[in-house]
């Protein structure tokens, strides 16, 4: 049989933190890797669309604004 327990004492102080250790030696570099093989050439792309014919600015009977607007509409189509 045990007797009654006495009052609990105050909490103890925390101990000091330990010091940092010394820096270790520098590691060794690994060997250089080998160069891989050259890749294959890609496939040639499709042929582009034919360009629009040029025009002579002095010959064109339409105003310049109208020509640029129609040229823009052709590109959208």
PDB file of N, CA and C in Angstrom:
ATOM      1  N   UNK A   1       0.834  -1.153   0.000  1.00  0.00           N
ATOM      2  CA  UNK A   1       0.000   0.000   0.000  1.00  0.00           C
ATOM      3  C   UNK A   1       0.897   1.240   0.000  1.00  0.00           C
ATOM      4  N   UNK A   2       0.469   2.231  -0.819  1.00  0.00           N
ATOM      5  CA  UNK A   2       1.265   3.447  -0.943  1.00  0.00           C
ATOM      6  C   UNK A   2       0.559   4.589  -0.261  1.00  0.00           C
ATOM      7  N   UNK A   3       1.355   5.503   0.193  1.00  0.00           N
ATOM      8  CA  UNK A   3       0.774   6.672   0.814  1.00  0.00           C
ATOM      9  C   UNK A   3       0.418   7.714  -0.240  1.00  0.00           C
ATOM     10  N   UNK A   4      -0.141   8.819   0.164  1.00  0.00           N
ATOM     11  CA  UNK A   4      -0.510   9.881  -0.775  1.00  0.00           C
ATOM     12  C   UNK A   4       0.751  10.527  -1.348  1.00  0.00           C
ATOM     13  N   UNK A   5       0.618  10.963  -2.569  1.00  0.00           N
ATOM     14  CA  UNK A   5       1.768  11.553  -3.268  1.00  0.00           C
ATOM     15  C   UNK A   5       1.854  13.022  -2.918  1.00  0.00           C
ATOM     16  N   UNK A   6       3.070  13.522  -2.747  1.00  0.00           N
ATOM     17  CA  UNK A   6       3.273  14.922  -2.408  1.00  0.00           C
ATOM     18  C   UNK A   6       3.061  15.830  -3.616  1.00  0.00           C
ATOM     19  N   UNK A   7       3.091  17.149  -3.410  1.00  0.00           N
ATOM     20  CA  UNK A   7       2.899  18.085  -4.528  1.00  0.00           C
ATOM     21  C   UNK A   7       4.047  17.981  -5.532  1.00  0.00           C
ATOM     22  N   UNK A   8       3.713  18.247  -6.803  1.00  0.00           N
ATOM     23  CA  UNK A   8       4.710  18.139  -7.872  1.00  0.00           C
ATOM     24  C   UNK A   8       5.586  19.376  -7.847  1.00  0.00           C
ATOM     25  N   UNK A   9       6.873  19.212  -8.041  1.00  0.00           N
ATOM     26  CA  UNK A   9       7.808  20.331  -8.049  1.00  0.00           C
ATOM     27  C   UNK A   9       7.761  21.084  -9.376  1.00  0.00           C
ATOM     28  N   UNK A  10       8.448  22.231  -9.444  1.00  0.00           N
ATOM     29  CA  UNK A  10       8.466  23.007 -10.687  1.00  0.00           C
ATOM     30  C   UNK A  10       9.234  22.271 -11.782  1.00  0.00           C
ATOM     31  N   UNK A  11       8.921  22.636 -13.058  1.00  0.00           N
ATOM     32  CA  UNK A  11       9.571  21.989 -14.203  1.00  0.00           C
ATOM     33  C   UNK A  11      11.035  22.380 -14.239  1.00  0.00           C
ATOM     34  N   UNK A  12      11.893  21.449 -14.588  1.00  0.00           N
ATOM     35  CA  UNK A  12      13.325  21.719 -14.661  1.00  0.00           C
ATOM     36  C   UNK A  12      13.683  22.558 -15.885  1.00  0.00           C
ATOM     37  N   UNK A  13      14.880  23.166 -15.865  1.00  0.00           N
ATOM     38  CA  UNK A  13      15.368  23.968 -16.993  1.00  0.00           C
ATOM     39  C   UNK A  13      15.755  23.051 -18.151  1.00  0.00           C
ATOM     40  N   UNK A  14      15.642  23.607 -19.355  1.00  0.00           N
ATOM     41  CA  UNK A  14      16.087  22.852 -20.530  1.00  0.00           C
ATOM     42  C   UNK A  14      17.607  22.891 -20.573  1.00  0.00           C
ATOM     43  N   UNK A  15      18.190  21.830 -21.012  1.00  0.00           N
ATOM     44  CA  UNK A  15      19.647  21.794 -21.129  1.00  0.00           C
ATOM     45  C   UNK A  15      20.122  22.632 -22.310  1.00  0.00           C
ATOM     46  N   UNK A  16      21.423  22.917 -22.361  1.00  0.00           N
ATOM     47  CA  UNK A  16      22.007  23.682 -23.465  1.00  0.00           C
ATOM     48  C   UNK A  16      21.993  22.841 -24.734  1.00  0.00           C
ATOM     49  N   UNK A  17      21.869  23.536 -25.880  1.00  0.00           N
ATOM     50  CA  UNK A  17      21.942  22.832 -27.158  1.00  0.00           C
ATOM     51  C   UNK A  17      23.397  22.485 -27.424  1.00  0.00           C
ATOM     52  N   UNK A  18      23.601  21.363 -28.044  1.00  0.00           N
ATOM     53  CA  UNK A  18      24.968  20.984 -28.394  1.00  0.00           C
ATOM     54  C   UNK A  18      25.509  21.870 -29.511  1.00  0.00           C
ATOM     55  N   UNK A  19      26.812  21.929 -29.652  1.00  0.00           N
ATOM     56  CA  UNK A  19      27.452  22.727 -30.693  1.00  0.00           C
ATOM     57  C   UNK A  19      27.409  21.977 -32.020  1.00  0.00           C
ATOM     58  N   UNK A  20      27.488  22.732 -33.135  1.00  0.00           N
ATOM     59  CA  UNK A  20      27.513  22.108 -34.458  1.00  0.00           C
ATOM     60  C   UNK A  20      28.827  21.367 -34.636  1.00  0.00           C
ATOM     61  N   UNK A  21      28.751  20.289 -35.359  1.00  0.00           N
ATOM     62  CA  UNK A  21      29.966  19.535 -35.652  1.00  0.00           C
ATOM     63  C   UNK A  21      30.797  20.236 -36.718  1.00  0.00           C
ATOM     64  N   UNK A  22      31.990  19.732 -36.962  1.00  0.00           N
ATOM     65  CA  UNK A  22      32.869  20.319 -37.975  1.00  0.00           C
ATOM     66  C   UNK A  22      32.409  19.897 -39.366  1.00  0.00           C
ATOM     67  N   UNK A  23      32.761  20.715 -40.358  1.00  0.00           N
ATOM     68  CA  UNK A  23      32.403  20.416 -41.742  1.00  0.00           C
ATOM     69  C   UNK A  23      33.236  19.241 -42.215  1.00  0.00           C
ATOM     70  N   UNK A  24      32.581  18.317 -42.882  1.00  0.00           N
ATOM     71  CA  UNK A  24      33.276  17.139 -43.382  1.00  0.00           C
ATOM     72  C   UNK A  24      34.101  17.453 -44.621  1.00  0.00           C
ATOM     73  N   UNK A  25      34.912  16.511 -45.081  1.00  0.00           N
ATOM     74  CA  UNK A  25      35.754  16.734 -46.263  1.00  0.00           C
ATOM     75  C   UNK A  25      34.902  16.826 -47.532  1.00  0.00           C
ATOM     76  N   UNK A  26      35.447  17.494 -48.546  1.00  0.00           N
ATOM     77  CA  UNK A  26      34.731  17.652 -49.813  1.00  0.00           C
ATOM     78  C   UNK A  26      34.656  16.313 -50.528  1.00  0.00           C
ATOM     79  N   UNK A  27      33.499  16.057 -51.127  1.00  0.00           N
ATOM     80  CA  UNK A  27      33.312  14.793 -51.838  1.00  0.00           C
ATOM     81  C   UNK A  27      34.069  14.755 -53.158  1.00  0.00           C
ATOM     82  N   UNK A  28      34.177  13.570 -53.724  1.00  0.00           N
ATOM     83  CA  UNK A  28      34.898  13.366 -54.982  1.00  0.00           C
ATOM     84  C   UNK A  28      33.920  13.523 -56.145  1.00  0.00           C
ATOM     85  N   UNK A  29      34.352  14.192 -57.248  1.00  0.00           N
ATOM     86  CA  UNK A  29      33.510  14.329 -58.435  1.00  0.00           C
ATOM     87  C   UNK A  29      33.418  12.993 -59.150  1.00  0.00           C
ATOM     88  N   UNK A  30      32.247  12.728 -59.700  1.00  0.00           N
ATOM     89  CA  UNK A  30      32.074  11.512 -60.489  1.00  0.00           C
ATOM     90  C   UNK A  30      32.697  11.663 -61.872  1.00  0.00           C
ATOM     91  N   UNK A  31      32.808  10.563 -62.590  1.00  0.00           N
ATOM     92  CA  UNK A  31      33.387  10.592 -63.935  1.00  0.00           C
ATOM     93  C   UNK A  31      32.386  11.200 -64.912  1.00  0.00           C
ATOM     94  N   UNK A  32      32.920  11.778 -65.996  1.00  0.00           N
ATOM     95  CA  UNK A  32      32.062  12.379 -67.006  1.00  0.00           C
ATOM     96  C   UNK A  32      31.341  11.291 -67.778  1.00  0.00           C
ATOM     97  N   UNK A  33      30.070  11.539 -68.080  1.00  0.00           N
ATOM     98  CA  UNK A  33      29.288  10.561 -68.839  1.00  0.00           C
ATOM     99  C   UNK A  33      29.663  10.546 -70.313  1.00  0.00           C
ATOM    100  N   UNK A  34      29.195   9.527 -71.030  1.00  0.00           N
ATOM    101  CA  UNK A  34      29.483   9.401 -72.455  1.00  0.00           C
ATOM    102  C   UNK A  34      28.446  10.176 -73.263  1.00  0.00           C
ATOM    103  N   UNK A  35      28.871  10.646 -74.430  1.00  0.00           N
ATOM    104  CA  UNK A  35      27.964  11.358 -75.327  1.00  0.00           C
ATOM    105  C   UNK A  35      27.104  10.334 -76.047  1.00  0.00           C
ATOM    106  N   UNK A  36      25.815  10.596 -76.101  1.00  0.00           N
ATOM    107  CA  UNK A  36      24.897   9.670 -76.764  1.00  0.00           C
ATOM    108  C   UNK A  36      25.006   9.747 -78.284  1.00  0.00           C
ATOM    109  N   UNK A  37      24.387   8.806 -78.985  1.00  0.00           N
ATOM    110  CA  UNK A  37      24.448   8.802 -80.449  1.00  0.00           C
ATOM    111  C   UNK A  37      23.643   9.963 -81.033  1.00  0.00           C
ATOM    112  N   UNK A  38      24.004  10.354 -82.248  1.00  0.00           N
ATOM    113  CA  UNK A  38      23.293  11.428 -82.939  1.00  0.00           C
ATOM    114  C   UNK A  38      21.903  10.941 -83.328  1.00  0.00           C
ATOM    115  N   UNK A  39      20.914  11.802 -83.144  1.00  0.00           N
ATOM    116  CA  UNK A  39      19.539  11.425 -83.489  1.00  0.00           C
ATOM    117  C   UNK A  39      19.315  11.396 -84.995  1.00  0.00           C
ATOM    118  N   UNK A  40      18.233  10.727 -85.406  1.00  0.00           N
ATOM    119  CA  UNK A  40      17.877  10.644 -86.822  1.00  0.00           C
ATOM    120  C   UNK A  40      17.315  11.978 -87.296  1.00  0.00           C
ATOM    121  N   UNK A  41      17.486  12.257 -88.588  1.00  0.00           N
ATOM    122  CA  UNK A  41      16.907  13.465 -89.171  1.00  0.00           C
ATOM    123  C   UNK A  41      15.393  13.324 -89.225  1.00  0.00           C
ATOM    124  N   UNK A  42      14.711  14.431 -89.083  1.00  0.00           N
ATOM    125  CA  UNK A  42      13.249  14.422 -89.163  1.00  0.00           C
ATOM    126  C   UNK A  42      12.772  14.235 -90.595  1.00  0.00           C
ATOM    127  N   UNK A  43      11.472  14.010 -90.740  1.00  0.00           N
ATOM    128  CA  UNK A  43      10.866  13.830 -92.057  1.00  0.00           C
ATOM    129  C   UNK A  43      10.674  15.200 -92.700  1.00  0.00           C
ATOM    130  N   UNK A  44      10.858  15.273 -94.013  1.00  0.00           N
ATOM    131  CA  UNK A  44      10.687  16.541 -94.717  1.00  0.00           C
ATOM    132  C   UNK A  44       9.220  16.942 -94.693  1.00  0.00           C
ATOM    133  N   UNK A  45       8.974  18.195 -94.431  1.00  0.00           N
ATOM    134  CA  UNK A  45       7.601  18.697 -94.332  1.00  0.00           C
ATOM    135  C   UNK A  45       6.937  18.829 -95.692  1.00  0.00           C
ATOM    136  N   UNK A  46       5.607  19.064 -95.690  1.00  0.00           N
ATOM    137  CA  UNK A  46       4.883  19.208 -96.955  1.00  0.00           C
ATOM    138  C   UNK A  46       5.239  20.524 -97.650  1.00  0.00           C
ATOM    139  N   UNK A  47       4.993  20.553 -98.948  1.00  0.00           N
ATOM    140  CA  UNK A  47       5.269  21.747 -99.743  1.00  0.00           C
ATOM    141  C   UNK A  47       4.264  22.826 -99.370  1.00  0.00           C
ATOM    142  N   UNK A  48       4.717  24.063 -99.253  1.00  0.00           N
ATOM    143  CA  UNK A  48       3.833  25.168 -98.892  1.00  0.00           C
ATOM    144  C   UNK A  48       2.936  25.586-100.048  1.00  0.00           C
ATOM    145  N   UNK A  49       1.932  26.407 -99.727  1.00  0.00           N
ATOM    146  CA  UNK A  49       1.004  26.908-100.739  1.00  0.00           C
ATOM    147  C   UNK A  49       1.704  27.927-101.631  1.00  0.00           C
ATOM    148  N   UNK A  50       1.208  28.021-102.867  1.00  0.00           N
ATOM    149  CA  UNK A  50       1.745  29.024-103.784  1.00  0.00           C
ATOM    150  C   UNK A  50       1.394  30.412-103.279  1.00  0.00           C
ATOM    151  N   UNK A  51       2.292  31.335-103.454  1.00  0.00           N
ATOM    152  CA  UNK A  51       2.037  32.713-103.042  1.00  0.00           C
ATOM    153  C   UNK A  51       1.077  33.407-103.999  1.00  0.00           C
ATOM    154  N   UNK A  52       0.520  34.510-103.552  1.00  0.00           N
ATOM    155  CA  UNK A  52      -0.379  35.281-104.405  1.00  0.00           C
ATOM    156  C   UNK A  52       0.453  36.089-105.395  1.00  0.00           C
ATOM    157  N   UNK A  53      -0.092  36.297-106.593  1.00  0.00           N
ATOM    158  CA  UNK A  53       0.672  37.075-107.577  1.00  0.00           C
ATOM    159  C   UNK A  53       0.814  38.520-107.128  1.00  0.00           C
ATOM    160  N   UNK A  54       1.911  39.120-107.476  1.00  0.00           N
ATOM    161  CA  UNK A  54       2.128  40.517-107.138  1.00  0.00           C
ATOM    162  C   UNK A  54       1.258  41.428-107.999  1.00  0.00           C
ATOM    163  N   UNK A  55       1.247  42.696-107.684  1.00  0.00           N
ATOM    164  CA  UNK A  55       0.470  43.644-108.478  1.00  0.00           C
ATOM    165  C   UNK A  55       1.283  44.911-108.676  1.00  0.00           C
ATOM    166  N   UNK A  56       0.960  45.591-109.729  1.00  0.00           N
ATOM    167  CA  UNK A  56       1.618  46.849-110.034  1.00  0.00           C
ATOM    168  C   UNK A  56       0.765  47.958-109.437  1.00  0.00           C
ATOM    169  N   UNK A  57       1.310  48.716-108.525  1.00  0.00           N
ATOM    170  CA  UNK A  57       0.532  49.734-107.827  1.00  0.00           C
ATOM    171  C   UNK A  57      -0.003  50.792-108.783  1.00  0.00           C
ATOM    172  N   UNK A  58       0.723  51.098-109.841  1.00  0.00           N
ATOM    173  CA  UNK A  58       0.242  52.108-110.783  1.00  0.00           C
ATOM    174  C   UNK A  58      -0.871  51.559-111.663  1.00  0.00           C
ATOM    175  N   UNK A  59      -0.852  50.240-111.907  1.00  0.00           N
ATOM    176  CA  UNK A  59      -1.840  49.631-112.790  1.00  0.00           C
ATOM    177  C   UNK A  59      -3.139  49.313-112.063  1.00  0.00           C
ATOM    178  N   UNK A  60      -3.073  48.981-110.789  1.00  0.00           N
ATOM    179  CA  UNK A  60      -4.254  48.530-110.050  1.00  0.00           C
ATOM    180  C   UNK A  60      -5.313  49.641-110.035  1.00  0.00           C
ATOM    181  N   UNK A  61      -6.523  49.378-110.573  1.00  0.00           N
ATOM    182  CA  UNK A  61      -7.565  50.401-110.603  1.00  0.00           C
ATOM    183  C   UNK A  61      -8.269  50.582-109.254  1.00  0.00           C
ATOM    184  N   UNK A  62      -8.108  49.654-108.355  1.00  0.00           N
ATOM    185  CA  UNK A  62      -8.826  49.752-107.086  1.00  0.00           C
ATOM    186  C   UNK A  62      -8.019  50.567-106.075  1.00  0.00           C
ATOM    187  N   UNK A  63      -8.709  51.204-105.120  1.00  0.00           N
ATOM    188  CA  UNK A  63      -7.976  51.928-104.073  1.00  0.00           C
ATOM    189  C   UNK A  63      -7.137  50.975-103.223  1.00  0.00           C
ATOM    190  N   UNK A  64      -6.065  51.475-102.683  1.00  0.00           N
ATOM    191  CA  UNK A  64      -5.139  50.649-101.905  1.00  0.00           C
ATOM    192  C   UNK A  64      -5.833  49.992-100.710  1.00  0.00           C
ATOM    193  N   UNK A  65      -6.717  50.722-100.040  1.00  0.00           N
ATOM    194  CA  UNK A  65      -7.422  50.155 -98.874  1.00  0.00           C
ATOM    195  C   UNK A  65      -8.231  48.931 -99.270  1.00  0.00           C
ATOM    196  N   UNK A  66      -8.934  49.025-100.389  1.00  0.00           N
ATOM    197  CA  UNK A  66      -9.790  47.933-100.826  1.00  0.00           C
ATOM    198  C   UNK A  66      -8.953  46.700-101.147  1.00  0.00           C
ATOM    199  N   UNK A  67      -7.795  46.898-101.792  1.00  0.00           N
ATOM    200  CA  UNK A  67      -6.945  45.764-102.132  1.00  0.00           C
ATOM    201  C   UNK A  67      -6.454  45.059-100.865  1.00  0.00           C
ATOM    202  N   UNK A  68      -6.024  45.806 -99.874  1.00  0.00           N
ATOM    203  CA  UNK A  68      -5.539  45.187 -98.641  1.00  0.00           C
ATOM    204  C   UNK A  68      -6.661  44.460 -97.918  1.00  0.00           C
ATOM    205  N   UNK A  69      -7.872  45.013 -97.969  1.00  0.00           N
ATOM    206  CA  UNK A  69      -9.008  44.347 -97.327  1.00  0.00           C
ATOM    207  C   UNK A  69      -9.314  43.029 -98.025  1.00  0.00           C
ATOM    208  N   UNK A  70      -9.325  43.022 -99.378  1.00  0.00           N
ATOM    209  CA  UNK A  70      -9.623  41.785-100.097  1.00  0.00           C
ATOM    210  C   UNK A  70      -8.495  40.773 -99.899  1.00  0.00           C
ATOM    211  N   UNK A  71      -7.256  41.243 -99.816  1.00  0.00           N
ATOM    212  CA  UNK A  71      -6.124  40.357 -99.581  1.00  0.00           C
ATOM    213  C   UNK A  71      -6.256  39.699 -98.207  1.00  0.00           C
ATOM    214  N   UNK A  72      -6.679  40.461 -97.215  1.00  0.00           N
ATOM    215  CA  UNK A  72      -6.890  39.933 -95.866  1.00  0.00           C
ATOM    216  C   UNK A  72      -7.997  38.879 -95.868  1.00  0.00           C
ATOM    217  N   UNK A  73      -9.081  39.136 -96.626  1.00  0.00           N
ATOM    218  CA  UNK A  73     -10.190  38.182 -96.684  1.00  0.00           C
ATOM    219  C   UNK A  73      -9.745  36.879 -97.348  1.00  0.00           C
ATOM    220  N   UNK A  74      -8.878  36.965 -98.357  1.00  0.00           N
ATOM    221  CA  UNK A  74      -8.382  35.751 -99.011  1.00  0.00           C
ATOM    222  C   UNK A  74      -7.580  34.902 -98.027  1.00  0.00           C
ATOM    223  N   UNK A  75      -6.830  35.543 -97.156  1.00  0.00           N
ATOM    224  CA  UNK A  75      -6.029  34.798 -96.177  1.00  0.00           C
ATOM    225  C   UNK A  75      -6.913  34.089 -95.160  1.00  0.00           C
ATOM    226  N   UNK A  76      -8.050  34.695 -94.831  1.00  0.00           N
ATOM    227  CA  UNK A  76      -8.959  34.057 -93.874  1.00  0.00           C
ATOM    228  C   UNK A  76      -9.597  32.810 -94.456  1.00  0.00           C
ATOM    229  N   UNK A  77      -9.796  32.796 -95.776  1.00  0.00           N
ATOM    230  CA  UNK A  77     -10.436  31.661 -96.432  1.00  0.00           C
ATOM    231  C   UNK A  77      -9.421  30.620 -96.673  1.00  0.00           C
TER     232      UNK A  77
END
